[in-house]
C-alpha cells in the first residue's frame, strides 16, 4: 500500500504524504465555503497583469475553522486550465482524497467544480491554501486557513484583541504561463520584480526605488492592544525576513503547534512556512511604522528594489512612516544565523496543540524507526529537454491515474514502489517512483541539499517531529 507519494514540480521539490482512509465524521459542526477561482486584472507592482483570484479577491478569503470541524469547500474552476487546491500543513490523516495533490487527486477541469470535504481533526494553528498545478501559485490563488481552539480548550496566552492575516511572497510581473515556459526551456526565473504583502506592492519609502502610484497594504491597530499576526510565505522561491519597525515579534505558534514564547526583532520565514506572532501596540503614535519583508540569501544591493513594505497604522497616529527601513539581520560573517534562529524554536509541550504521535509526545526517544530515507537535491537538470528538479536523481512524472484511484480500482502500472532510500550513482531520469512506506510505521527523513539555493519541502498531510512545512 502506498502511503508516501513523491511529487516533483518543475524547479521545486515538494514531498507529499497522504493517508488512505475514510470520509470525515458527520457528527461535528460543518463550515462551508464556495470558491470561484478565476483570473482578474490587477497591478500590484504598477503593471497591469493577470492574477488568480478567489471570489474576485487577491489574495483569497480566509478559511476560518475550529478543531474537529468538518470543512466543505466547493471549488469552481473558472480558469482556462486544470486546477487543484491544496491545504498547506492541514493533516489529511483520514482523507487523502481531498488533499489537492496531483499524485493522489484528479485535477478539476476548466468550467467544472469539485467539493472538498475533510475534517480538521485534533488540529489548531495557522496554515494557507494554494493551487498546486502548473506553477499557478506564482499568479495567486492563495489565502489564509486558520483553525481555532475549541472554546473549552484554553490557548496558552491571553486572548488577543484581534487576528491579522498577512501573506508575503516574491512576485513576477510575467504571468505564470510565461514563467512556466521559461523554466521548461531551461532558463532561470531571474530576480523577482517585487515582494508583495497581502497582494500589494511596497509603500513608497524611497522615491528612487519605488515609483508613484503603487497601492500598498495598511494594517490598522489601536494603541495599547495585543494582536495575533498570522504570517505566511506564499512565494515560489525566496526566503524572506519579516520585521516591524520598533516592535517585537513574540512567537507563539507555527503550523499547528504552540511554541515556547520568545521575542524576536526580525524573523526569517522560508517558502511555505506559516507563523503566529503576538505584537503589542505599545509604541509612540507620533507616526506610522514600517512592516518589511525583504529577501534573504541574495545579493542585497541588487535586491533592494524588490523589498516588500507595508504600514502599521495606529488609530491615533500623527503622521506617515518615514526614514530608513529597519535593518535586516547582520549575518555577513555568520552564515548559520538563520539556521540557529530556526533551531531556537521550541514546542510548548504543555499547551493544547495537536498530538500527532500516538506513542505520546514525550516518547520520541523510544520510537522504533521503520525506514530511513536520505533525499538528496541537486541543481535542476535538463531531462528530456526540460529543466527538472530531482530527488535521488528522479524527477516525478505526472500520473495518468492518481495513486488513490489506482489503488481502489487495482490499476496495474500506474506507479512504481521502487523509490530509492538513498542517492544512487546513476543518470537523472523522469519516473513514477513512489516511496513504499509501512502502515503505522515511523519514517526518518534526512534532507541533503546539494543545490546552490535554499530548498523548502512541503510534507503534505502530517505533523512532524522536529519539522516545519518549509525545511532546509
Protein backbone atom coordinates (compact mmCIF):
# COMPACT_ATOMS: atom_id res chain seq x y z
CA UNK A 1 0.00 0.00 0.00
CA UNK A 2 1.44 3.38 -0.97
CA UNK A 3 1.26 5.86 1.86
CA UNK A 4 4.06 8.15 0.79
CA UNK A 5 3.64 9.77 -2.65
CA UNK A 6 6.54 11.82 -4.04
CA UNK A 7 5.74 14.63 -6.46
CA UNK A 8 8.37 16.86 -8.09
CA UNK A 9 7.24 20.02 -9.85
CA UNK A 10 9.50 21.97 -12.20
CA UNK A 11 12.27 23.62 -10.17
CA UNK A 12 10.60 22.89 -6.85
CA UNK A 13 10.70 19.68 -4.84
CA UNK A 14 7.51 19.07 -2.93
CA UNK A 15 7.19 15.87 -0.95
CA UNK A 16 3.63 14.82 -0.25
CA UNK A 17 2.44 12.32 2.31
CA UNK A 18 -1.12 11.01 2.04
CA UNK A 19 -3.01 8.69 4.36
CA UNK A 20 -5.57 6.33 2.91
CA UNK A 21 -8.79 6.25 4.87
CA UNK A 22 -12.44 7.25 5.05
CA UNK A 23 -14.54 10.38 4.80
CA UNK A 24 -14.77 12.79 7.73
CA UNK A 25 -17.17 12.36 10.61
CA UNK A 26 -20.58 13.98 10.19
CA UNK A 27 -21.18 14.41 13.93
CA UNK A 28 -19.06 17.54 14.31
CA UNK A 29 -20.02 21.04 13.08
CA UNK A 30 -19.63 21.90 9.38
CA UNK A 31 -18.13 25.09 7.95
CA UNK A 32 -18.87 25.63 4.27
CA UNK A 33 -17.29 27.82 1.59
CA UNK A 34 -17.99 28.39 -2.08
CA UNK A 35 -14.85 29.35 -4.01
CA UNK A 36 -14.83 30.63 -7.57
CA UNK A 37 -11.26 30.61 -8.85
CA UNK A 38 -10.82 32.96 -11.80
CA UNK A 39 -8.50 35.43 -13.48
CA UNK A 40 -8.70 39.12 -12.71
CA UNK A 41 -6.54 42.03 -13.78
CA UNK A 42 -4.51 43.66 -11.02
CA UNK A 43 -1.45 45.91 -10.80
CA UNK A 44 0.32 45.00 -7.54
CA UNK A 45 3.62 46.46 -8.82
CA UNK A 46 2.10 49.16 -11.01
CA UNK A 47 1.98 46.95 -14.12
CA UNK A 48 -1.42 45.51 -15.17
CA UNK A 49 -1.26 41.73 -15.23
CA UNK A 50 -3.45 38.64 -14.98
CA UNK A 51 -3.63 37.18 -11.49
CA UNK A 52 -5.60 34.29 -10.00
CA UNK A 53 -8.30 35.40 -7.58
CA UNK A 54 -10.68 33.51 -5.31
CA UNK A 55 -14.16 35.05 -5.24
CA UNK A 56 -12.67 38.07 -7.06
CA UNK A 57 -10.20 38.60 -4.20
CA UNK A 58 -6.41 38.56 -4.34
CA UNK A 59 -5.27 37.05 -2.01
CA UNK A 60 -8.31 34.85 -1.50
CA UNK A 61 -10.65 34.98 1.52
CA UNK A 62 -9.51 33.29 4.75
CA UNK A 63 -10.96 29.96 5.84
CA UNK A 64 -11.96 30.07 9.49
CA UNK A 65 -12.45 26.72 11.22
CA UNK A 66 -12.32 25.25 14.72
CA UNK A 67 -10.78 22.00 15.93
CA UNK A 68 -12.74 18.93 14.71
CA UNK A 69 -14.87 20.95 12.28
CA UNK A 70 -15.81 19.34 9.00
CA UNK A 71 -14.67 21.72 6.25
CA UNK A 72 -16.59 21.77 2.96
CA UNK A 73 -15.17 23.89 0.12
CA UNK A 74 -16.95 23.84 -3.25
CA UNK A 75 -14.31 24.97 -5.77
CA UNK A 76 -15.44 26.22 -9.20
CA UNK A 77 -12.63 26.26 -11.74
CA UNK A 78 -13.11 29.32 -13.95
CA UNK A 79 -9.54 29.25 -15.26
CA UNK A 80 -8.55 28.06 -18.74
CA UNK A 81 -6.53 25.12 -17.38
CA UNK A 82 -6.81 22.35 -14.79
CA UNK A 83 -6.84 23.31 -11.11
CA UNK A 84 -6.21 21.70 -7.74
CA UNK A 85 -6.27 23.50 -4.40
CA UNK A 86 -4.14 22.07 -1.62
CA UNK A 87 -4.22 22.89 2.06
CA UNK A 88 -0.67 23.56 3.23
CA UNK A 89 0.03 21.81 6.54
CA UNK A 90 -3.53 20.57 7.12
CA UNK A 91 -3.34 16.95 8.30
CA UNK A 92 -5.33 14.73 5.93
CA UNK A 93 -4.91 11.81 8.29
CA UNK A 94 -8.31 10.43 7.46
CA UNK A 95 -8.97 11.65 3.95
CA UNK A 96 -6.24 11.85 1.33
CA UNK A 97 -8.92 12.07 -1.38
CA UNK A 98 -9.16 15.75 -0.52
CA UNK A 99 -5.54 16.89 -0.28
CA UNK A 100 -5.43 18.59 -3.68
CA UNK A 101 -2.21 16.96 -4.90
CA UNK A 102 -1.88 15.70 -8.48
CA UNK A 103 -0.33 12.40 -7.43
CA UNK A 104 -3.38 11.44 -5.37
CA UNK A 105 -6.25 13.53 -6.78
CA UNK A 106 -7.69 14.18 -10.24
CA UNK A 107 -7.47 17.81 -11.43
CA UNK A 108 -10.59 19.94 -11.71
CA UNK A 109 -11.06 20.65 -15.45
CA UNK A 110 -11.95 24.17 -16.63
CA UNK A 111 -15.65 25.04 -16.09
CA UNK A 112 -16.03 22.15 -13.64
CA UNK A 113 -16.33 22.18 -9.86
CA UNK A 114 -15.26 19.84 -7.09
CA UNK A 115 -16.31 19.83 -3.44
CA UNK A 116 -13.51 19.19 -0.95
CA UNK A 117 -14.69 17.62 2.30
CA UNK A 118 -12.34 16.91 5.18
CA UNK A 119 -12.14 17.15 8.95
CA UNK A 120 -9.54 19.23 10.78
CA UNK A 121 -9.35 16.55 13.43
CA UNK A 122 -7.40 17.46 16.60
CA UNK A 123 -5.75 20.44 14.90
CA UNK A 124 -5.13 24.09 15.66
CA UNK A 125 -3.00 26.76 14.09
CA UNK A 126 -2.10 28.85 11.06
CA UNK A 127 -1.96 27.47 7.53
CA UNK A 128 -2.77 28.56 3.98
CA UNK A 129 -4.27 27.13 0.79
CA UNK A 130 -2.88 27.47 -2.73
CA UNK A 131 -3.13 26.00 -6.26
CA UNK A 132 -0.71 23.08 -6.69
CA UNK A 133 -0.64 22.69 -10.50
CA UNK A 134 1.09 24.33 -13.46
CA UNK A 135 3.03 26.96 -11.49
CA UNK A 136 -0.31 28.72 -10.74
CA UNK A 137 0.82 29.72 -7.27
CA UNK A 138 3.11 32.26 -8.99
CA UNK A 139 -0.10 34.02 -10.10
CA UNK A 140 -2.03 33.88 -6.81
CA UNK A 141 -4.97 31.70 -5.79
CA UNK A 142 -3.74 31.52 -2.19
CA UNK A 143 -5.30 32.54 1.11
CA UNK A 144 -5.09 32.05 4.87
CA UNK A 145 -6.51 28.96 6.60
CA UNK A 146 -6.63 29.07 10.37
CA UNK A 147 -8.00 26.62 12.91
CA UNK A 148 -9.11 27.90 16.32
CA UNK A 149 -9.15 26.06 19.64
CA UNK A 150 -12.49 24.80 20.83
CA UNK A 151 -13.94 27.12 23.47
CA UNK A 152 -13.39 24.62 26.28
CA UNK A 153 -9.66 24.45 25.48
CA UNK A 154 -7.59 27.43 26.59
CA UNK A 155 -4.94 28.98 24.39
CA UNK A 156 -1.53 29.43 26.09
CA UNK A 157 -1.69 33.24 26.07
CA UNK A 158 -4.26 35.92 26.78
CA UNK A 159 -6.92 36.22 24.11
CA UNK A 160 -5.62 38.71 21.51
CA UNK A 161 -7.54 41.85 20.66
CA UNK A 162 -7.60 40.87 17.01
CA UNK A 163 -6.46 38.36 14.38
CA UNK A 164 -4.45 39.79 11.47
CA UNK A 165 -3.62 37.72 8.37
CA UNK A 166 -0.52 38.61 6.36
CA UNK A 167 0.71 36.90 3.20
CA UNK A 168 4.22 37.70 1.98
CA UNK A 169 5.89 36.39 -1.14
CA UNK A 170 8.11 37.11 -4.11
CA UNK A 171 6.33 38.25 -7.27
CA UNK A 172 6.90 38.48 -11.03
CA UNK A 173 5.08 40.77 -13.45
CA UNK A 174 5.26 37.99 -16.08
CA UNK A 175 2.28 35.66 -15.88
CA UNK A 176 2.66 32.13 -14.61
CA UNK A 177 2.41 30.56 -18.07
CA UNK A 178 5.37 32.63 -19.28
CA UNK A 179 7.37 31.68 -16.18
CA UNK A 180 6.49 28.02 -16.72
CA UNK A 181 7.56 28.17 -20.35
CA UNK A 182 10.88 29.77 -19.39
CA UNK A 183 11.61 27.03 -16.85
CA UNK A 184 10.72 24.27 -19.29
CA UNK A 185 13.15 25.85 -21.76
CA UNK A 186 15.95 25.53 -19.21
CA UNK A 187 16.06 29.23 -18.30
CA UNK A 188 16.38 30.66 -14.82
CA UNK A 189 13.47 32.69 -13.48
CA UNK A 190 15.78 35.57 -12.66
CA UNK A 191 15.26 38.12 -9.92
CA UNK A 192 11.63 38.71 -8.87
CA UNK A 193 10.11 42.08 -9.69
CA UNK A 194 8.98 42.63 -6.12
CA UNK A 195 7.76 41.24 -2.82
CA UNK A 196 4.04 41.56 -2.11
CA UNK A 197 2.40 41.95 1.27
CA UNK A 198 -1.26 40.92 1.17
CA UNK A 199 -1.15 41.09 -2.61
CA UNK A 200 0.04 44.69 -2.70
CA UNK A 201 3.29 46.38 -3.63
CA UNK A 202 5.64 48.43 -1.45
CA UNK A 203 4.91 51.65 0.37
CA UNK A 204 6.95 54.46 -1.20
CA UNK A 205 9.68 54.55 1.42
CA UNK A 206 12.19 55.55 -1.26
CA UNK A 207 11.30 57.70 -4.27
CA UNK A 208 14.07 56.20 -6.39
CA UNK A 209 13.36 52.53 -5.70
CA UNK A 210 9.55 52.71 -5.55
CA UNK A 211 7.59 54.54 -8.29
CA UNK A 212 4.47 56.60 -7.66
CA UNK A 213 1.00 55.11 -7.72
CA UNK A 214 1.61 51.66 -6.23
CA UNK A 215 -1.11 50.58 -3.81
CA UNK A 216 0.33 49.35 -0.50
CA UNK A 217 -1.13 47.49 2.46
CA UNK A 218 -2.07 49.28 5.68
CA UNK A 219 -2.66 47.30 8.89
CA UNK A 220 -4.87 49.33 11.25
CA UNK A 221 -4.43 48.87 15.00
CA UNK A 222 -5.40 50.62 18.22
CA UNK A 223 -2.82 51.64 20.83
CA UNK A 224 -2.35 49.53 23.95
CA UNK A 225 -3.63 46.30 22.36
CA UNK A 226 -2.15 42.90 21.58
CA UNK A 227 -2.76 41.36 18.16
CA UNK A 228 -2.07 37.93 16.72
CA UNK A 229 -0.34 38.15 13.34
CA UNK A 230 -0.57 35.01 11.19
CA UNK A 231 2.18 35.40 8.59
CA UNK A 232 2.53 33.06 5.58
CA UNK A 233 5.29 32.99 2.96
CA UNK A 234 3.23 32.14 -0.13
CA UNK A 235 6.03 32.85 -2.62
CA UNK A 236 7.65 30.45 -5.05
CA UNK A 237 11.37 30.60 -4.32
CA UNK A 238 12.54 33.38 -1.98
CA UNK A 239 13.11 33.21 1.76
CA UNK A 240 12.01 36.46 3.40
CA UNK A 241 12.89 38.25 6.61
CA UNK A 242 9.82 39.70 8.34
CA UNK A 243 10.00 42.60 10.78
CA UNK A 244 8.01 45.56 12.10
CA UNK A 245 9.74 48.81 12.89
CA UNK A 246 10.21 49.36 16.67
CA UNK A 247 8.03 46.35 17.57
CA UNK A 248 8.95 42.94 18.96
CA UNK A 249 7.56 39.76 17.44
CA UNK A 250 6.56 37.31 20.18
CA UNK A 251 6.49 33.90 18.50
CA UNK A 252 3.51 31.88 19.74
CA UNK A 253 2.62 29.18 17.18
CA UNK A 254 3.74 27.59 13.95
CA UNK A 255 1.60 25.36 11.73
CA UNK A 256 -0.35 23.51 14.34
CA UNK A 257 1.98 23.70 17.31
CA UNK A 258 2.13 26.30 20.05
CA UNK A 259 5.70 27.28 20.81
CA UNK A 260 7.57 28.45 23.85
CA UNK A 261 7.08 32.20 23.59
CA UNK A 262 10.22 34.09 22.55
CA UNK A 263 10.73 37.65 21.36
CA UNK A 264 12.42 38.38 18.05
CA UNK A 265 13.16 41.71 16.37
CA UNK A 266 13.01 40.04 12.96
CA UNK A 267 12.26 36.54 11.73
CA UNK A 268 13.21 34.50 8.65
CA UNK A 269 10.17 32.89 7.02
CA UNK A 270 11.01 30.45 4.27
CA UNK A 271 8.77 29.48 1.36
CA UNK A 272 5.71 27.58 2.56
CA UNK A 273 6.10 28.43 6.24
CA UNK A 274 3.45 30.00 8.49
CA UNK A 275 3.98 31.59 11.90
CA UNK A 276 1.86 33.32 14.54
CA UNK A 277 3.34 36.31 16.33
CA UNK A 278 1.88 38.41 19.13
CA UNK A 279 2.62 42.11 18.83
CA UNK A 280 1.76 44.73 21.42
CA UNK A 281 0.98 48.22 20.15
CA UNK A 282 2.94 49.99 22.88
CA UNK A 283 4.92 52.45 20.78
CA UNK A 284 4.64 56.21 20.44
CA UNK A 285 1.93 57.17 17.95
CA UNK A 286 3.88 60.12 16.55
CA UNK A 287 3.99 58.26 13.23
CA UNK A 288 3.11 55.03 11.44
CA UNK A 289 5.58 52.15 11.36
CA UNK A 290 7.07 50.07 8.56
CA UNK A 291 6.20 46.39 8.07
CA UNK A 292 9.00 44.84 6.00
CA UNK A 293 9.53 41.57 4.10
CA UNK A 294 12.96 41.50 2.47
CA UNK A 295 14.79 38.81 0.50
CA UNK A 296 17.37 36.58 2.19
CA UNK A 297 20.44 34.73 0.86
CA UNK A 298 20.71 37.05 -2.14
CA UNK A 299 22.89 39.94 -3.27
CA UNK A 300 21.18 42.60 -1.15
CA UNK A 301 22.49 45.52 -3.23
CA UNK A 302 20.72 44.11 -6.30
CA UNK A 303 17.54 43.14 -4.46
CA UNK A 304 16.71 46.43 -2.76
CA UNK A 305 14.03 47.26 -5.30
CA UNK A 306 12.09 44.07 -4.57
CA UNK A 307 11.66 44.67 -0.83
CA UNK A 308 8.05 44.45 0.39
CA UNK A 309 6.90 47.29 2.64
CA UNK A 310 3.51 47.81 4.30
CA UNK A 311 2.40 50.21 7.02
CA UNK A 312 1.32 49.61 10.62
CA UNK A 313 -1.09 52.45 11.36
CA UNK A 314 -2.09 53.36 14.91
CA UNK A 315 -5.60 54.84 15.11
CA UNK A 316 -4.13 57.92 16.85
CA UNK A 317 -1.09 58.20 14.59
CA UNK A 318 0.09 61.73 13.91
CA UNK A 319 1.99 61.15 10.67
CA UNK A 320 3.15 58.71 7.98
CA UNK A 321 6.02 56.27 8.34
CA UNK A 322 9.33 57.80 7.31
CA UNK A 323 13.09 57.34 7.42
CA UNK A 324 15.14 54.24 6.75
CA UNK A 325 13.66 50.76 6.89
CA UNK A 326 14.53 48.69 9.98
CA UNK A 327 17.73 46.73 9.42
CA UNK A 328 17.69 43.11 8.25
CA UNK A 329 19.86 40.53 10.07
CA UNK A 330 23.54 41.39 10.03
CA UNK A 331 24.87 37.93 9.25
CA UNK A 332 27.52 38.59 6.62
CA UNK A 333 30.05 36.81 8.81
CA UNK A 334 27.66 34.29 10.32
CA UNK A 335 26.01 32.14 7.65
CA UNK A 336 24.42 29.93 10.30
CA UNK A 337 22.34 32.78 11.76
CA UNK A 338 19.09 31.79 10.08
CA UNK A 339 19.50 28.12 10.87
CA UNK A 340 20.23 28.88 14.50
CA UNK A 341 17.15 31.08 14.67
CA UNK A 342 15.02 28.19 13.38
CA UNK A 343 16.64 25.83 15.88
CA UNK A 344 15.75 28.24 18.70
CA UNK A 345 12.05 27.42 18.25
CA UNK A 346 10.74 25.08 20.94
CA UNK A 347 7.35 23.43 21.01
CA UNK A 348 5.18 24.14 24.04
CA UNK A 349 4.51 20.57 25.13
CA UNK A 350 2.06 21.62 27.86
CA UNK A 351 -0.23 23.60 25.51
CA UNK A 352 -3.34 22.25 23.82
CA UNK A 353 -1.91 21.67 20.37
CA UNK A 354 -2.13 18.65 18.12
CA UNK A 355 -0.75 15.34 19.35
CA UNK A 356 0.40 13.63 16.15
CA UNK A 357 2.42 10.88 17.84
CA UNK A 358 0.21 8.03 19.07
CA UNK A 359 3.02 6.79 21.31
CA UNK A 360 2.87 10.02 23.29
CA UNK A 361 4.52 13.37 22.82
CA UNK A 362 7.19 12.60 25.41
CA UNK A 363 8.24 9.23 23.95
CA UNK A 364 10.12 10.34 20.86
CA UNK A 365 13.35 8.76 22.09
CA UNK A 366 11.75 5.32 22.25
CA UNK A 367 10.24 5.31 18.74
CA UNK A 368 11.32 2.40 16.58
CA UNK A 369 12.23 3.78 13.15
CA UNK A 370 10.66 1.67 10.40
CA UNK A 371 12.54 3.16 7.44
CA UNK A 372 15.17 5.84 6.84
CA UNK A 373 15.24 7.82 3.60
CA UNK A 374 18.01 10.17 2.54
CA UNK A 375 16.56 12.59 -0.02
CA UNK A 376 19.24 14.42 -1.98
CA UNK A 377 18.61 17.53 -4.06
CA UNK A 378 21.00 18.92 -6.67
CA UNK A 379 20.72 21.88 -9.07
CA UNK A 380 17.92 21.41 -11.66
CA UNK A 381 18.82 19.19 -14.59
CA UNK A 382 17.75 19.11 -18.22
CA UNK A 383 15.80 15.85 -18.63
CA UNK A 384 14.09 15.12 -21.95
CA UNK A 385 14.52 18.74 -22.97
CA UNK A 386 13.03 20.33 -19.85
CA UNK A 387 14.55 21.78 -16.69
CA UNK A 388 13.61 19.45 -13.87
CA UNK A 389 14.18 19.20 -10.13
CA UNK A 390 15.12 15.80 -8.75
CA UNK A 391 15.25 13.82 -5.52
CA UNK A 392 17.76 10.99 -5.52
CA UNK A 393 18.11 11.54 -9.26
CA UNK A 394 14.41 11.09 -10.02
CA UNK A 395 12.04 13.74 -11.33
CA UNK A 396 8.48 12.62 -10.76
CA UNK A 397 6.31 12.22 -13.86
CA UNK A 398 2.65 13.15 -13.62
CA UNK A 399 0.44 10.12 -13.15
CA UNK A 400 -2.23 9.27 -15.70
CA UNK A 401 -4.19 7.62 -12.87
CA UNK A 402 -3.86 9.14 -9.38
CA UNK A 403 -2.50 6.79 -6.72
CA UNK A 404 -5.71 6.62 -4.70
CA UNK A 405 -7.81 5.71 -7.75
CA UNK A 406 -5.21 3.20 -8.92
CA UNK A 407 -5.28 1.50 -5.52
CA UNK A 408 -9.07 1.40 -5.33
CA UNK A 409 -9.55 0.07 -8.86
CA UNK A 410 -6.41 -2.10 -8.92
CA UNK A 411 -4.87 -0.33 -11.91
CA UNK A 412 -1.56 -2.02 -12.66
CA UNK A 413 1.50 0.02 -13.61
CA UNK A 414 0.06 3.39 -12.55
CA UNK A 415 3.09 3.91 -10.32
CA UNK A 416 6.12 2.00 -9.04
CA UNK A 417 7.06 1.32 -5.41
CA UNK A 418 10.78 1.49 -6.06
CA UNK A 419 11.89 4.91 -4.90
CA UNK A 420 15.50 4.53 -3.63
CA UNK A 421 16.10 5.14 0.08
CA UNK A 422 19.41 6.85 -0.67
CA UNK A 423 21.09 8.66 -3.58
CA UNK A 424 22.32 6.34 -6.31
CA UNK A 425 25.15 6.79 -8.78
CA UNK A 426 23.10 6.73 -11.97
CA UNK A 427 21.79 9.10 -14.62
CA UNK A 428 18.93 11.51 -13.94
CA UNK A 429 15.54 10.48 -15.23
CA UNK A 430 11.77 11.01 -15.11
CA UNK A 431 9.89 8.23 -13.37
CA UNK A 432 6.72 7.40 -11.44
CA UNK A 433 8.59 6.04 -8.41
CA UNK A 434 6.81 6.25 -5.06
CA UNK A 435 8.15 5.55 -1.58
CA UNK A 436 6.78 2.27 -0.23
CA UNK A 437 6.09 3.03 3.44
CA UNK A 438 4.80 0.80 6.20
CA UNK A 439 1.34 1.45 7.61
CA UNK A 440 1.61 2.90 11.15
CA UNK A 441 5.37 2.92 10.82
CA UNK A 442 7.74 5.78 11.60
CA UNK A 443 9.87 7.16 8.77
CA UNK A 444 13.06 9.09 9.37
CA UNK A 445 13.64 11.54 6.51
CA UNK A 446 17.05 13.12 6.01
CA UNK A 447 17.19 16.02 3.53
CA UNK A 448 20.55 16.50 1.86
CA UNK A 449 20.60 19.78 -0.09
CA UNK A 450 23.41 19.79 -2.65
CA UNK A 451 21.77 22.60 -4.60
CA UNK A 452 23.15 26.14 -4.53
CA UNK A 453 19.95 27.66 -3.09
CA UNK A 454 17.76 27.19 -0.03
CA UNK A 455 15.15 24.47 -0.62
CA UNK A 456 11.72 24.28 1.04
CA UNK A 457 10.00 20.91 1.32
CA UNK A 458 6.27 20.59 1.92
CA UNK A 459 5.28 17.34 3.59
CA UNK A 460 1.58 17.20 2.99
CA UNK A 461 -0.94 15.70 5.35
CA UNK A 462 1.07 15.14 8.51
CA UNK A 463 2.55 16.87 11.51
CA UNK A 464 6.23 16.15 12.03
CA UNK A 465 8.54 15.86 14.98
CA UNK A 466 11.41 18.34 14.53
CA UNK A 467 9.86 19.80 11.45
CA UNK A 468 8.13 22.71 9.82
CA UNK A 469 6.38 22.91 6.45
CA UNK A 470 9.44 24.56 4.98
CA UNK A 471 12.66 22.73 5.84
CA UNK A 472 16.26 23.41 4.92
